[in-house]
Amino acid sequence: MASTRKPVGINFDKMLQSIKDDIRALVLEHEDSSWPINDDSEKLRRFCERLEFLLKFGLKERSLVLGGRKDLWPYLCRCLSDRRNIREGIDLVRANKELKTHTGRHRYFLRYCLLQAVPGRRPAA
């Protein structure tokens, strides 16, 4: 199914600045509370939405002439599978049978990457 949102008039400089501001807000939230940021954080949700939008921009969700779809998860796998430090995350996502959609897989992978800085943590499915 094709997306109904039209990317006309998107200001990428403003979008990147918003993502930077979200990162600063997340860092401040962590420094103020000394607690890890969890999935209940509104700031984290907003950051992830903007990051996902930016990463998905330009990938059409309609079917291709020869079949298949252009989604973010297969794109990430193709681009990042050669990187040894990223391969573990891709394998972890592929091994999780609870993830049924490309959207679920790329969101889980992004959460895995965000949690890499926190030792001993794995994202919940």
PDB file of N, CA and C in Angstrom:
ATOM      1  N   MET A   1       0.836  -1.161   0.000  1.00  0.00           N
ATOM      2  CA  MET A   1       0.000   0.000   0.000  1.00  0.00           C
ATOM      3  C   MET A   1       0.890   1.236   0.000  1.00  0.00           C
ATOM      4  N   ALA A   2       0.577   2.159  -0.863  1.00  0.00           N
ATOM      5  CA  ALA A   2       1.377   3.374  -0.968  1.00  0.00           C
ATOM      6  C   ALA A   2       1.048   4.323   0.177  1.00  0.00           C
ATOM      7  N   SER A   3       2.039   5.049   0.591  1.00  0.00           N
ATOM      8  CA  SER A   3       1.861   6.015   1.674  1.00  0.00           C
ATOM      9  C   SER A   3       1.069   7.201   1.163  1.00  0.00           C
ATOM     10  N   THR A   4       0.180   7.733   2.011  1.00  0.00           N
ATOM     11  CA  THR A   4      -0.608   8.892   1.607  1.00  0.00           C
ATOM     12  C   THR A   4       0.082  10.194   1.958  1.00  0.00           C
ATOM     13  N   ARG A   5       1.137  10.135   2.773  1.00  0.00           N
ATOM     14  CA  ARG A   5       1.865  11.349   3.129  1.00  0.00           C
ATOM     15  C   ARG A   5       2.744  11.784   1.972  1.00  0.00           C
ATOM     16  N   LYS A   6       2.718  13.070   1.679  1.00  0.00           N
ATOM     17  CA  LYS A   6       3.554  13.598   0.609  1.00  0.00           C
ATOM     18  C   LYS A   6       4.700  14.392   1.216  1.00  0.00           C
ATOM     19  N   PRO A   7       5.945  14.089   0.810  1.00  0.00           N
ATOM     20  CA  PRO A   7       7.108  14.737   1.411  1.00  0.00           C
ATOM     21  C   PRO A   7       7.410  16.117   0.843  1.00  0.00           C
ATOM     22  N   VAL A   8       6.432  16.733   0.184  1.00  0.00           N
ATOM     23  CA  VAL A   8       6.651  18.051  -0.397  1.00  0.00           C
ATOM     24  C   VAL A   8       6.786  19.080   0.719  1.00  0.00           C
ATOM     25  N   GLY A   9       7.775  19.935   0.594  1.00  0.00           N
ATOM     26  CA  GLY A   9       7.943  21.031   1.539  1.00  0.00           C
ATOM     27  C   GLY A   9       8.652  20.662   2.823  1.00  0.00           C
ATOM     28  N   ILE A  10       9.322  19.542   2.858  1.00  0.00           N
ATOM     29  CA  ILE A  10      10.047  19.142   4.067  1.00  0.00           C
ATOM     30  C   ILE A  10      11.359  19.913   4.135  1.00  0.00           C
ATOM     31  N   ASN A  11      11.602  20.503   5.276  1.00  0.00           N
ATOM     32  CA  ASN A  11      12.841  21.241   5.499  1.00  0.00           C
ATOM     33  C   ASN A  11      13.792  20.306   6.260  1.00  0.00           C
ATOM     34  N   PHE A  12      14.749  19.706   5.519  1.00  0.00           N
ATOM     35  CA  PHE A  12      15.636  18.732   6.134  1.00  0.00           C
ATOM     36  C   PHE A  12      16.574  19.362   7.149  1.00  0.00           C
ATOM     37  N   ASP A  13      16.969  20.605   6.944  1.00  0.00           N
ATOM     38  CA  ASP A  13      17.807  21.273   7.944  1.00  0.00           C
ATOM     39  C   ASP A  13      17.066  21.392   9.267  1.00  0.00           C
ATOM     40  N   LYS A  14      15.793  21.752   9.180  1.00  0.00           N
ATOM     41  CA  LYS A  14      14.982  21.868  10.393  1.00  0.00           C
ATOM     42  C   LYS A  14      14.780  20.491  11.040  1.00  0.00           C
ATOM     43  N   MET A  15      14.579  19.463  10.206  1.00  0.00           N
ATOM     44  CA  MET A  15      14.405  18.105  10.728  1.00  0.00           C
ATOM     45  C   MET A  15      15.670  17.637  11.452  1.00  0.00           C
ATOM     46  N   LEU A  16      16.840  17.863  10.851  1.00  0.00           N
ATOM     47  CA  LEU A  16      18.096  17.477  11.486  1.00  0.00           C
ATOM     48  C   LEU A  16      18.326  18.247  12.784  1.00  0.00           C
ATOM     49  N   GLN A  17      17.982  19.514  12.778  1.00  0.00           N
ATOM     50  CA  GLN A  17      18.119  20.305  13.998  1.00  0.00           C
ATOM     51  C   GLN A  17      17.191  19.786  15.086  1.00  0.00           C
ATOM     52  N   SER A  18      15.985  19.383  14.708  1.00  0.00           N
ATOM     53  CA  SER A  18      15.045  18.811  15.678  1.00  0.00           C
ATOM     54  C   SER A  18      15.588  17.518  16.273  1.00  0.00           C
ATOM     55  N   ILE A  19      16.220  16.690  15.442  1.00  0.00           N
ATOM     56  CA  ILE A  19      16.808  15.443  15.934  1.00  0.00           C
ATOM     57  C   ILE A  19      17.956  15.748  16.900  1.00  0.00           C
ATOM     58  N   LYS A  20      18.793  16.729  16.562  1.00  0.00           N
ATOM     59  CA  LYS A  20      19.871  17.131  17.470  1.00  0.00           C
ATOM     60  C   LYS A  20      19.319  17.637  18.794  1.00  0.00           C
ATOM     61  N   ASP A  21      18.241  18.426  18.726  1.00  0.00           N
ATOM     62  CA  ASP A  21      17.608  18.933  19.947  1.00  0.00           C
ATOM     63  C   ASP A  21      17.040  17.783  20.785  1.00  0.00           C
ATOM     64  N   ASP A  22      16.457  16.785  20.100  1.00  0.00           N
ATOM     65  CA  ASP A  22      15.933  15.618  20.820  1.00  0.00           C
ATOM     66  C   ASP A  22      17.050  14.875  21.546  1.00  0.00           C
ATOM     67  N   ILE A  23      18.190  14.739  20.891  1.00  0.00           N
ATOM     68  CA  ILE A  23      19.333  14.049  21.515  1.00  0.00           C
ATOM     69  C   ILE A  23      19.808  14.826  22.734  1.00  0.00           C
ATOM     70  N   ARG A  24      19.912  16.149  22.607  1.00  0.00           N
ATOM     71  CA  ARG A  24      20.315  16.970  23.759  1.00  0.00           C
ATOM     72  C   ARG A  24      19.328  16.818  24.913  1.00  0.00           C
ATOM     73  N   ALA A  25      18.031  16.805  24.595  1.00  0.00           N
ATOM     74  CA  ALA A  25      17.006  16.657  25.630  1.00  0.00           C
ATOM     75  C   ALA A  25      17.103  15.296  26.312  1.00  0.00           C
ATOM     76  N   LEU A  26      17.392  14.246  25.529  1.00  0.00           N
ATOM     77  CA  LEU A  26      17.551  12.919  26.116  1.00  0.00           C
ATOM     78  C   LEU A  26      18.773  12.856  27.029  1.00  0.00           C
ATOM     79  N   VAL A  27      19.853  13.486  26.609  1.00  0.00           N
ATOM     80  CA  VAL A  27      21.071  13.510  27.435  1.00  0.00           C
ATOM     81  C   VAL A  27      20.786  14.259  28.735  1.00  0.00           C
ATOM     82  N   LEU A  28      20.123  15.404  28.649  1.00  0.00           N
ATOM     83  CA  LEU A  28      19.786  16.171  29.853  1.00  0.00           C
ATOM     84  C   LEU A  28      18.864  15.380  30.778  1.00  0.00           C
ATOM     85  N   GLU A  29      17.878  14.691  30.190  1.00  0.00           N
ATOM     86  CA  GLU A  29      16.955  13.890  30.994  1.00  0.00           C
ATOM     87  C   GLU A  29      17.718  12.803  31.750  1.00  0.00           C
ATOM     88  N   HIS A  30      18.663  12.177  31.071  1.00  0.00           N
ATOM     89  CA  HIS A  30      19.461  11.129  31.722  1.00  0.00           C
ATOM     90  C   HIS A  30      20.364  11.719  32.802  1.00  0.00           C
ATOM     91  N   GLU A  31      21.019  12.849  32.513  1.00  0.00           N
ATOM     92  CA  GLU A  31      21.925  13.454  33.490  1.00  0.00           C
ATOM     93  C   GLU A  31      21.176  13.958  34.719  1.00  0.00           C
ATOM     94  N   ASP A  32      19.965  14.489  34.513  1.00  0.00           N
ATOM     95  CA  ASP A  32      19.180  15.007  35.636  1.00  0.00           C
ATOM     96  C   ASP A  32      18.692  13.891  36.556  1.00  0.00           C
ATOM     97  N   SER A  33      18.284  12.778  35.965  1.00  0.00           N
ATOM     98  CA  SER A  33      17.696  11.713  36.783  1.00  0.00           C
ATOM     99  C   SER A  33      18.687  10.606  37.141  1.00  0.00           C
ATOM    100  N   SER A  34      19.771  10.487  36.400  1.00  0.00           N
ATOM    101  CA  SER A  34      20.756   9.408  36.554  1.00  0.00           C
ATOM    102  C   SER A  34      20.148   8.034  36.308  1.00  0.00           C
ATOM    103  N   TRP A  35      18.961   7.988  35.739  1.00  0.00           N
ATOM    104  CA  TRP A  35      18.303   6.736  35.381  1.00  0.00           C
ATOM    105  C   TRP A  35      18.383   6.550  33.875  1.00  0.00           C
ATOM    106  N   PRO A  36      18.400   5.295  33.420  1.00  0.00           N
ATOM    107  CA  PRO A  36      18.389   5.069  31.974  1.00  0.00           C
ATOM    108  C   PRO A  36      17.076   5.538  31.355  1.00  0.00           C
ATOM    109  N   ILE A  37      17.155   5.944  30.121  1.00  0.00           N
ATOM    110  CA  ILE A  37      15.955   6.337  29.374  1.00  0.00           C
ATOM    111  C   ILE A  37      15.223   5.055  28.990  1.00  0.00           C
ATOM    112  N   ASN A  38      13.920   4.992  29.259  1.00  0.00           N
ATOM    113  CA  ASN A  38      13.175   3.783  28.893  1.00  0.00           C
ATOM    114  C   ASN A  38      12.134   4.102  27.818  1.00  0.00           C
ATOM    115  N   ASP A  39      11.392   3.090  27.422  1.00  0.00           N
ATOM    116  CA  ASP A  39      10.430   3.234  26.324  1.00  0.00           C
ATOM    117  C   ASP A  39       9.259   4.148  26.661  1.00  0.00           C
ATOM    118  N   ASP A  40       9.076   4.498  27.934  1.00  0.00           N
ATOM    119  CA  ASP A  40       7.981   5.383  28.325  1.00  0.00           C
ATOM    120  C   ASP A  40       8.315   6.857  28.103  1.00  0.00           C
ATOM    121  N   SER A  41       9.533   7.151  27.751  1.00  0.00           N
ATOM    122  CA  SER A  41       9.965   8.534  27.591  1.00  0.00           C
ATOM    123  C   SER A  41       9.356   9.168  26.347  1.00  0.00           C
ATOM    124  N   GLU A  42       8.673  10.269  26.553  1.00  0.00           N
ATOM    125  CA  GLU A  42       8.085  11.012  25.433  1.00  0.00           C
ATOM    126  C   GLU A  42       9.186  11.567  24.519  1.00  0.00           C
ATOM    127  N   LYS A  43      10.282  11.987  25.120  1.00  0.00           N
ATOM    128  CA  LYS A  43      11.396  12.525  24.326  1.00  0.00           C
ATOM    129  C   LYS A  43      12.007  11.447  23.435  1.00  0.00           C
ATOM    130  N   LEU A  44      12.124  10.237  23.962  1.00  0.00           N
ATOM    131  CA  LEU A  44      12.645   9.130  23.170  1.00  0.00           C
ATOM    132  C   LEU A  44      11.687   8.775  22.033  1.00  0.00           C
ATOM    133  N   ARG A  45      10.400   8.756  22.320  1.00  0.00           N
ATOM    134  CA  ARG A  45       9.411   8.461  21.286  1.00  0.00           C
ATOM    135  C   ARG A  45       9.483   9.475  20.157  1.00  0.00           C
ATOM    136  N   ARG A  46       9.569  10.748  20.510  1.00  0.00           N
ATOM    137  CA  ARG A  46       9.643  11.819  19.507  1.00  0.00           C
ATOM    138  C   ARG A  46      10.928  11.697  18.673  1.00  0.00           C
ATOM    139  N   PHE A  47      12.040  11.408  19.350  1.00  0.00           N
ATOM    140  CA  PHE A  47      13.304  11.220  18.636  1.00  0.00           C
ATOM    141  C   PHE A  47      13.203  10.059  17.649  1.00  0.00           C
ATOM    142  N   CYS A  48      12.665   8.937  18.098  1.00  0.00           N
ATOM    143  CA  CYS A  48      12.560   7.751  17.231  1.00  0.00           C
ATOM    144  C   CYS A  48      11.640   8.002  16.039  1.00  0.00           C
ATOM    145  N   GLU A  49      10.549   8.713  16.257  1.00  0.00           N
ATOM    146  CA  GLU A  49       9.647   9.034  15.146  1.00  0.00           C
ATOM    147  C   GLU A  49      10.362   9.876  14.095  1.00  0.00           C
ATOM    148  N   ARG A  50      11.086  10.875  14.532  1.00  0.00           N
ATOM    149  CA  ARG A  50      11.795  11.735  13.582  1.00  0.00           C
ATOM    150  C   ARG A  50      12.905  10.982  12.859  1.00  0.00           C
ATOM    151  N   LEU A  51      13.649  10.167  13.607  1.00  0.00           N
ATOM    152  CA  LEU A  51      14.721   9.389  12.996  1.00  0.00           C
ATOM    153  C   LEU A  51      14.159   8.400  11.974  1.00  0.00           C
ATOM    154  N   GLU A  52      13.084   7.729  12.336  1.00  0.00           N
ATOM    155  CA  GLU A  52      12.466   6.771  11.414  1.00  0.00           C
ATOM    156  C   GLU A  52      11.967   7.477  10.157  1.00  0.00           C
ATOM    157  N   PHE A  53      11.338   8.624  10.322  1.00  0.00           N
ATOM    158  CA  PHE A  53      10.863   9.374   9.164  1.00  0.00           C
ATOM    159  C   PHE A  53      12.019   9.739   8.242  1.00  0.00           C
ATOM    160  N   LEU A  54      13.094  10.208   8.834  1.00  0.00           N
ATOM    161  CA  LEU A  54      14.261  10.610   8.040  1.00  0.00           C
ATOM    162  C   LEU A  54      14.881   9.415   7.322  1.00  0.00           C
ATOM    163  N   LEU A  55      14.974   8.281   8.001  1.00  0.00           N
ATOM    164  CA  LEU A  55      15.550   7.089   7.382  1.00  0.00           C
ATOM    165  C   LEU A  55      14.656   6.519   6.279  1.00  0.00           C
ATOM    166  N   LYS A  56      13.348   6.631   6.458  1.00  0.00           N
ATOM    167  CA  LYS A  56      12.421   6.075   5.476  1.00  0.00           C
ATOM    168  C   LYS A  56      12.181   7.001   4.294  1.00  0.00           C
ATOM    169  N   PHE A  57      12.588   8.239   4.408  1.00  0.00           N
ATOM    170  CA  PHE A  57      12.321   9.195   3.342  1.00  0.00           C
ATOM    171  C   PHE A  57      12.916   8.697   2.033  1.00  0.00           C
ATOM    172  N   GLY A  58      12.132   8.686   1.009  1.00  0.00           N
ATOM    173  CA  GLY A  58      12.614   8.263  -0.300  1.00  0.00           C
ATOM    174  C   GLY A  58      12.407   6.798  -0.587  1.00  0.00           C
ATOM    175  N   LEU A  59      12.153   5.984   0.435  1.00  0.00           N
ATOM    176  CA  LEU A  59      11.854   4.572   0.202  1.00  0.00           C
ATOM    177  C   LEU A  59      10.350   4.446  -0.025  1.00  0.00           C
ATOM    178  N   LYS A  60       9.979   4.012  -1.173  1.00  0.00           N
ATOM    179  CA  LYS A  60       8.563   3.850  -1.503  1.00  0.00           C
ATOM    180  C   LYS A  60       8.093   2.496  -0.986  1.00  0.00           C
ATOM    181  N   GLU A  61       6.885   2.457  -0.458  1.00  0.00           N
ATOM    182  CA  GLU A  61       6.351   1.214   0.082  1.00  0.00           C
ATOM    183  C   GLU A  61       5.507   0.459  -0.942  1.00  0.00           C
ATOM    184  N   ARG A  62       5.441   0.918  -2.153  1.00  0.00           N
ATOM    185  CA  ARG A  62       4.640   0.207  -3.159  1.00  0.00           C
ATOM    186  C   ARG A  62       5.454  -0.955  -3.737  1.00  0.00           C
ATOM    187  N   SER A  63       4.792  -1.854  -4.356  1.00  0.00           N
ATOM    188  CA  SER A  63       5.458  -3.018  -4.950  1.00  0.00           C
ATOM    189  C   SER A  63       6.297  -2.594  -6.141  1.00  0.00           C
ATOM    190  N   LEU A  64       7.390  -3.296  -6.338  1.00  0.00           N
ATOM    191  CA  LEU A  64       8.254  -3.057  -7.479  1.00  0.00           C
ATOM    192  C   LEU A  64       7.759  -3.859  -8.678  1.00  0.00           C
ATOM    193  N   VAL A  65       8.235  -3.561  -9.860  1.00  0.00           N
ATOM    194  CA  VAL A  65       7.816  -4.246 -11.070  1.00  0.00           C
ATOM    195  C   VAL A  65       8.101  -5.743 -10.987  1.00  0.00           C
ATOM    196  N   LEU A  66       9.253  -6.117 -10.476  1.00  0.00           N
ATOM    197  CA  LEU A  66       9.634  -7.521 -10.388  1.00  0.00           C
ATOM    198  C   LEU A  66       9.273  -8.145  -9.042  1.00  0.00           C
ATOM    199  N   GLY A  67       8.406  -7.533  -8.301  1.00  0.00           N
ATOM    200  CA  GLY A  67       8.009  -8.052  -6.998  1.00  0.00           C
ATOM    201  C   GLY A  67       8.866  -7.463  -5.898  1.00  0.00           C
ATOM    202  N   GLY A  68       8.519  -7.782  -4.685  1.00  0.00           N
ATOM    203  CA  GLY A  68       9.268  -7.255  -3.552  1.00  0.00           C
ATOM    204  C   GLY A  68       8.797  -5.859  -3.178  1.00  0.00           C
ATOM    205  N   ARG A  69       9.347  -5.352  -2.119  1.00  0.00           N
ATOM    206  CA  ARG A  69       8.982  -4.030  -1.616  1.00  0.00           C
ATOM    207  C   ARG A  69      10.234  -3.282  -1.229  1.00  0.00           C
ATOM    208  N   LYS A  70      10.124  -1.973  -1.231  1.00  0.00           N
ATOM    209  CA  LYS A  70      11.217  -1.147  -0.742  1.00  0.00           C
ATOM    210  C   LYS A  70      10.866  -0.702   0.663  1.00  0.00           C
ATOM    211  N   ASP A  71      11.428  -1.372   1.641  1.00  0.00           N
ATOM    212  CA  ASP A  71      11.214  -1.040   3.039  1.00  0.00           C
ATOM    213  C   ASP A  71      12.559  -0.792   3.692  1.00  0.00           C
ATOM    214  N   LEU A  72      12.519  -0.167   4.855  1.00  0.00           N
ATOM    215  CA  LEU A  72      13.741   0.207   5.552  1.00  0.00           C
ATOM    216  C   LEU A  72      14.530  -1.010   6.044  1.00  0.00           C
ATOM    217  N   TRP A  73      13.858  -2.049   6.559  1.00  0.00           N
ATOM    218  CA  TRP A  73      14.575  -3.192   7.123  1.00  0.00           C
ATOM    219  C   TRP A  73      15.455  -3.899   6.083  1.00  0.00           C
ATOM    220  N   PRO A  74      14.937  -4.290   4.919  1.00  0.00           N
ATOM    221  CA  PRO A  74      15.819  -4.928   3.931  1.00  0.00           C
ATOM    222  C   PRO A  74      16.955  -4.004   3.480  1.00  0.00           C
ATOM    223  N   TYR A  75      16.662  -2.723   3.406  1.00  0.00           N
ATOM    224  CA  TYR A  75      17.695  -1.746   3.031  1.00  0.00           C
ATOM    225  C   TYR A  75      18.816  -1.715   4.072  1.00  0.00           C
ATOM    226  N   LEU A  76      18.437  -1.677   5.353  1.00  0.00           N
ATOM    227  CA  LEU A  76      19.439  -1.690   6.418  1.00  0.00           C
ATOM    228  C   LEU A  76      20.263  -2.972   6.375  1.00  0.00           C
ATOM    229  N   CYS A  77      19.607  -4.102   6.131  1.00  0.00           N
ATOM    230  CA  CYS A  77      20.334  -5.381   6.051  1.00  0.00           C
ATOM    231  C   CYS A  77      21.347  -5.373   4.914  1.00  0.00           C
ATOM    232  N   ARG A  78      20.927  -4.896   3.749  1.00  0.00           N
ATOM    233  CA  ARG A  78      21.844  -4.858   2.606  1.00  0.00           C
ATOM    234  C   ARG A  78      23.023  -3.935   2.872  1.00  0.00           C
ATOM    235  N   CYS A  79      22.763  -2.785   3.433  1.00  0.00           N
ATOM    236  CA  CYS A  79      23.819  -1.780   3.619  1.00  0.00           C
ATOM    237  C   CYS A  79      24.757  -2.098   4.780  1.00  0.00           C
ATOM    238  N   LEU A  80      24.240  -2.720   5.816  1.00  0.00           N
ATOM    239  CA  LEU A  80      25.014  -2.856   7.046  1.00  0.00           C
ATOM    240  C   LEU A  80      25.496  -4.272   7.333  1.00  0.00           C
ATOM    241  N   SER A  81      25.102  -5.256   6.539  1.00  0.00           N
ATOM    242  CA  SER A  81      25.434  -6.637   6.863  1.00  0.00           C
ATOM    243  C   SER A  81      26.930  -6.930   6.800  1.00  0.00           C
ATOM    244  N   ASP A  82      27.698  -6.137   6.071  1.00  0.00           N
ATOM    245  CA  ASP A  82      29.146  -6.354   5.985  1.00  0.00           C
ATOM    246  C   ASP A  82      29.895  -5.832   7.209  1.00  0.00           C
ATOM    247  N   ARG A  83      29.237  -5.024   8.009  1.00  0.00           N
ATOM    248  CA  ARG A  83      29.893  -4.441   9.188  1.00  0.00           C
ATOM    249  C   ARG A  83      29.796  -5.420  10.349  1.00  0.00           C
ATOM    250  N   ARG A  84      30.933  -5.860  10.808  1.00  0.00           N
ATOM    251  CA  ARG A  84      31.000  -6.889  11.848  1.00  0.00           C
ATOM    252  C   ARG A  84      30.298  -6.465  13.137  1.00  0.00           C
ATOM    253  N   ASN A  85      30.473  -5.222  13.543  1.00  0.00           N
ATOM    254  CA  ASN A  85      29.885  -4.772  14.811  1.00  0.00           C
ATOM    255  C   ASN A  85      28.368  -4.616  14.717  1.00  0.00           C
ATOM    256  N   ILE A  86      27.822  -4.524  13.521  1.00  0.00           N
ATOM    257  CA  ILE A  86      26.385  -4.382  13.327  1.00  0.00           C
ATOM    258  C   ILE A  86      25.727  -5.746  13.101  1.00  0.00           C
ATOM    259  N   ARG A  87      26.498  -6.679  12.640  1.00  0.00           N
ATOM    260  CA  ARG A  87      25.977  -8.006  12.274  1.00  0.00           C
ATOM    261  C   ARG A  87      25.246  -8.682  13.432  1.00  0.00           C
ATOM    262  N   GLU A  88      25.741  -8.519  14.646  1.00  0.00           N
ATOM    263  CA  GLU A  88      25.097  -9.125  15.819  1.00  0.00           C
ATOM    264  C   GLU A  88      23.658  -8.629  15.974  1.00  0.00           C
ATOM    265  N   GLY A  89      23.460  -7.332  15.778  1.00  0.00           N
ATOM    266  CA  GLY A  89      22.118  -6.764  15.884  1.00  0.00           C
ATOM    267  C   GLY A  89      21.181  -7.287  14.813  1.00  0.00           C
ATOM    268  N   ILE A  90      21.681  -7.395  13.589  1.00  0.00           N
ATOM    269  CA  ILE A  90      20.864  -7.927  12.490  1.00  0.00           C
ATOM    270  C   ILE A  90      20.493  -9.385  12.772  1.00  0.00           C
ATOM    271  N   ASP A  91      21.457 -10.169  13.234  1.00  0.00           N
ATOM    272  CA  ASP A  91      21.188 -11.575  13.558  1.00  0.00           C
ATOM    273  C   ASP A  91      20.189 -11.701  14.701  1.00  0.00           C
ATOM    274  N   LEU A  92      20.296 -10.831  15.703  1.00  0.00           N
ATOM    275  CA  LEU A  92      19.371 -10.838  16.827  1.00  0.00           C
ATOM    276  C   LEU A  92      17.948 -10.571  16.354  1.00  0.00           C
ATOM    277  N   VAL A  93      17.795  -9.603  15.469  1.00  0.00           N
ATOM    278  CA  VAL A  93      16.465  -9.269  14.952  1.00  0.00           C
ATOM    279  C   VAL A  93      15.914 -10.440  14.137  1.00  0.00           C
ATOM    280  N   ARG A  94      16.731 -11.006  13.281  1.00  0.00           N
ATOM    281  CA  ARG A  94      16.272 -12.130  12.443  1.00  0.00           C
ATOM    282  C   ARG A  94      15.890 -13.338  13.287  1.00  0.00           C
ATOM    283  N   ALA A  95      16.543 -13.531  14.419  1.00  0.00           N
ATOM    284  CA  ALA A  95      16.260 -14.677  15.284  1.00  0.00           C
ATOM    285  C   ALA A  95      14.981 -14.500  16.098  1.00  0.00           C
ATOM    286  N   ASN A  96      14.505 -13.273  16.237  1.00  0.00           N
ATOM    287  CA  ASN A  96      13.310 -13.010  17.032  1.00  0.00           C
ATOM    288  C   ASN A  96      12.070 -13.300  16.189  1.00  0.00           C
ATOM    289  N   LYS A  97      11.411 -14.410  16.471  1.00  0.00           N
ATOM    290  CA  LYS A  97      10.248 -14.855  15.680  1.00  0.00           C
ATOM    291  C   LYS A  97       8.981 -14.071  15.997  1.00  0.00           C
ATOM    292  N   GLU A  98       9.006 -13.260  17.057  1.00  0.00           N
ATOM    293  CA  GLU A  98       7.841 -12.447  17.389  1.00  0.00           C
ATOM    294  C   GLU A  98       7.696 -11.248  16.450  1.00  0.00           C
ATOM    295  N   LEU A  99       8.767 -10.880  15.777  1.00  0.00           N
ATOM    296  CA  LEU A  99       8.738  -9.737  14.867  1.00  0.00           C
ATOM    297  C   LEU A  99       8.233 -10.204  13.514  1.00  0.00           C
ATOM    298  N   LYS A 100       7.054  -9.711  13.116  1.00  0.00           N
ATOM    299  CA  LYS A 100       6.400 -10.207  11.905  1.00  0.00           C
ATOM    300  C   LYS A 100       6.515  -9.248  10.713  1.00  0.00           C
ATOM    301  N   THR A 101       6.769  -7.978  10.960  1.00  0.00           N
ATOM    302  CA  THR A 101       6.772  -6.996   9.869  1.00  0.00           C
ATOM    303  C   THR A 101       8.136  -6.335   9.739  1.00  0.00           C
ATOM    304  N   HIS A 102       8.374  -5.767   8.559  1.00  0.00           N
ATOM    305  CA  HIS A 102       9.616  -5.018   8.345  1.00  0.00           C
ATOM    306  C   HIS A 102       9.694  -3.826   9.292  1.00  0.00           C
ATOM    307  N   THR A 103       8.565  -3.174   9.525  1.00  0.00           N
ATOM    308  CA  THR A 103       8.555  -2.020  10.431  1.00  0.00           C
ATOM    309  C   THR A 103       8.954  -2.442  11.841  1.00  0.00           C
ATOM    310  N   GLY A 104       8.403  -3.555  12.317  1.00  0.00           N
ATOM    311  CA  GLY A 104       8.764  -4.055  13.636  1.00  0.00           C
ATOM    312  C   GLY A 104      10.237  -4.420  13.723  1.00  0.00           C
ATOM    313  N   ARG A 105      10.758  -5.005  12.654  1.00  0.00           N
ATOM    314  CA  ARG A 105      12.164  -5.407  12.647  1.00  0.00           C
ATOM    315  C   ARG A 105      13.096  -4.204  12.664  1.00  0.00           C
ATOM    316  N   HIS A 106      12.805  -3.183  11.841  1.00  0.00           N
ATOM    317  CA  HIS A 106      13.737  -2.039  11.835  1.00  0.00           C
ATOM    318  C   HIS A 106      13.624  -1.240  13.126  1.00  0.00           C
ATOM    319  N   ARG A 107      12.448  -1.176  13.728  1.00  0.00           N
ATOM    320  CA  ARG A 107      12.324  -0.475  15.013  1.00  0.00           C
ATOM    321  C   ARG A 107      13.084  -1.218  16.115  1.00  0.00           C
ATOM    322  N   TYR A 108      12.988  -2.535  16.117  1.00  0.00           N
ATOM    323  CA  TYR A 108      13.719  -3.339  17.101  1.00  0.00           C
ATOM    324  C   TYR A 108      15.227  -3.164  16.901  1.00  0.00           C
ATOM    325  N   PHE A 109      15.662  -3.145  15.644  1.00  0.00           N
ATOM    326  CA  PHE A 109      17.086  -2.964  15.336  1.00  0.00           C
ATOM    327  C   PHE A 109      17.571  -1.592  15.799  1.00  0.00           C
ATOM    328  N   LEU A 110      16.786  -0.546  15.563  1.00  0.00           N
ATOM    329  CA  LEU A 110      17.174   0.796  16.016  1.00  0.00           C
ATOM    330  C   LEU A 110      17.262   0.851  17.535  1.00  0.00           C
ATOM    331  N   ARG A 111      16.325   0.210  18.219  1.00  0.00           N
ATOM    332  CA  ARG A 111      16.368   0.163  19.681  1.00  0.00           C
ATOM    333  C   ARG A 111      17.609  -0.599  20.142  1.00  0.00           C
ATOM    334  N   TYR A 112      17.927  -1.682  19.469  1.00  0.00           N
ATOM    335  CA  TYR A 112      19.137  -2.449  19.800  1.00  0.00           C
ATOM    336  C   TYR A 112      20.364  -1.545  19.674  1.00  0.00           C
ATOM    337  N   CYS A 113      20.446  -0.801  18.582  1.00  0.00           N
ATOM    338  CA  CYS A 113      21.597   0.079  18.369  1.00  0.00           C
ATOM    339  C   CYS A 113      21.676   1.164  19.436  1.00  0.00           C
ATOM    340  N   LEU A 114      20.531   1.717  19.829  1.00  0.00           N
ATOM    341  CA  LEU A 114      20.520   2.741  20.870  1.00  0.00           C
ATOM    342  C   LEU A 114      20.964   2.171  22.213  1.00  0.00           C
ATOM    343  N   LEU A 115      20.640   0.908  22.465  1.00  0.00           N
ATOM    344  CA  LEU A 115      20.981   0.290  23.742  1.00  0.00           C
ATOM    345  C   LEU A 115      22.400  -0.260  23.793  1.00  0.00           C
ATOM    346  N   GLN A 116      23.098  -0.266  22.680  1.00  0.00           N
ATOM    347  CA  GLN A 116      24.460  -0.791  22.650  1.00  0.00           C
ATOM    348  C   GLN A 116      25.383  -0.091  23.630  1.00  0.00           C
ATOM    349  N   ALA A 117      25.132   1.159  23.905  1.00  0.00           N
ATOM    350  CA  ALA A 117      25.981   1.915  24.823  1.00  0.00           C
ATOM    351  C   ALA A 117      25.744   1.511  26.271  1.00  0.00           C
ATOM    352  N   VAL A 118      24.645   0.810  26.545  1.00  0.00           N
ATOM    353  CA  VAL A 118      24.313   0.395  27.913  1.00  0.00           C
ATOM    354  C   VAL A 118      24.646  -1.086  28.043  1.00  0.00           C
ATOM    355  N   PRO A 119      25.708  -1.456  28.786  1.00  0.00           N
ATOM    356  CA  PRO A 119      26.115  -2.854  28.904  1.00  0.00           C
ATOM    357  C   PRO A 119      25.018  -3.730  29.537  1.00  0.00           C
ATOM    358  N   GLY A 120      24.868  -4.916  28.977  1.00  0.00           N
ATOM    359  CA  GLY A 120      23.941  -5.889  29.552  1.00  0.00           C
ATOM    360  C   GLY A 120      22.487  -5.672  29.242  1.00  0.00           C
ATOM    361  N   ARG A 121      22.152  -4.728  28.392  1.00  0.00           N
ATOM    362  CA  ARG A 121      20.756  -4.451  28.076  1.00  0.00           C
ATOM    363  C   ARG A 121      20.424  -4.994  26.703  1.00  0.00           C
ATOM    364  N   ARG A 122      19.222  -5.526  26.539  1.00  0.00           N
ATOM    365  CA  ARG A 122      18.682  -5.972  25.255  1.00  0.00           C
ATOM    366  C   ARG A 122      17.284  -5.364  25.133  1.00  0.00           C
ATOM    367  N   PRO A 123      16.894  -4.931  23.944  1.00  0.00           N
ATOM    368  CA  PRO A 123      15.545  -4.365  23.813  1.00  0.00           C
ATOM    369  C   PRO A 123      14.478  -5.436  23.982  1.00  0.00           C
ATOM    370  N   ALA A 124      13.370  -5.052  24.568  1.00  0.00           N
ATOM    371  CA  ALA A 124      12.241  -5.974  24.705  1.00  0.00           C
ATOM    372  C   ALA A 124      11.523  -6.051  23.371  1.00  0.00           C
ATOM    373  N   ALA A 125      10.979  -7.200  23.056  1.00  0.00           N
ATOM    374  CA  ALA A 125      10.287  -7.390  21.758  1.00  0.00           C
ATOM    375  C   ALA A 125       8.994  -6.651  21.702  1.00  0.00           C
TER     376      ALA A 125
END
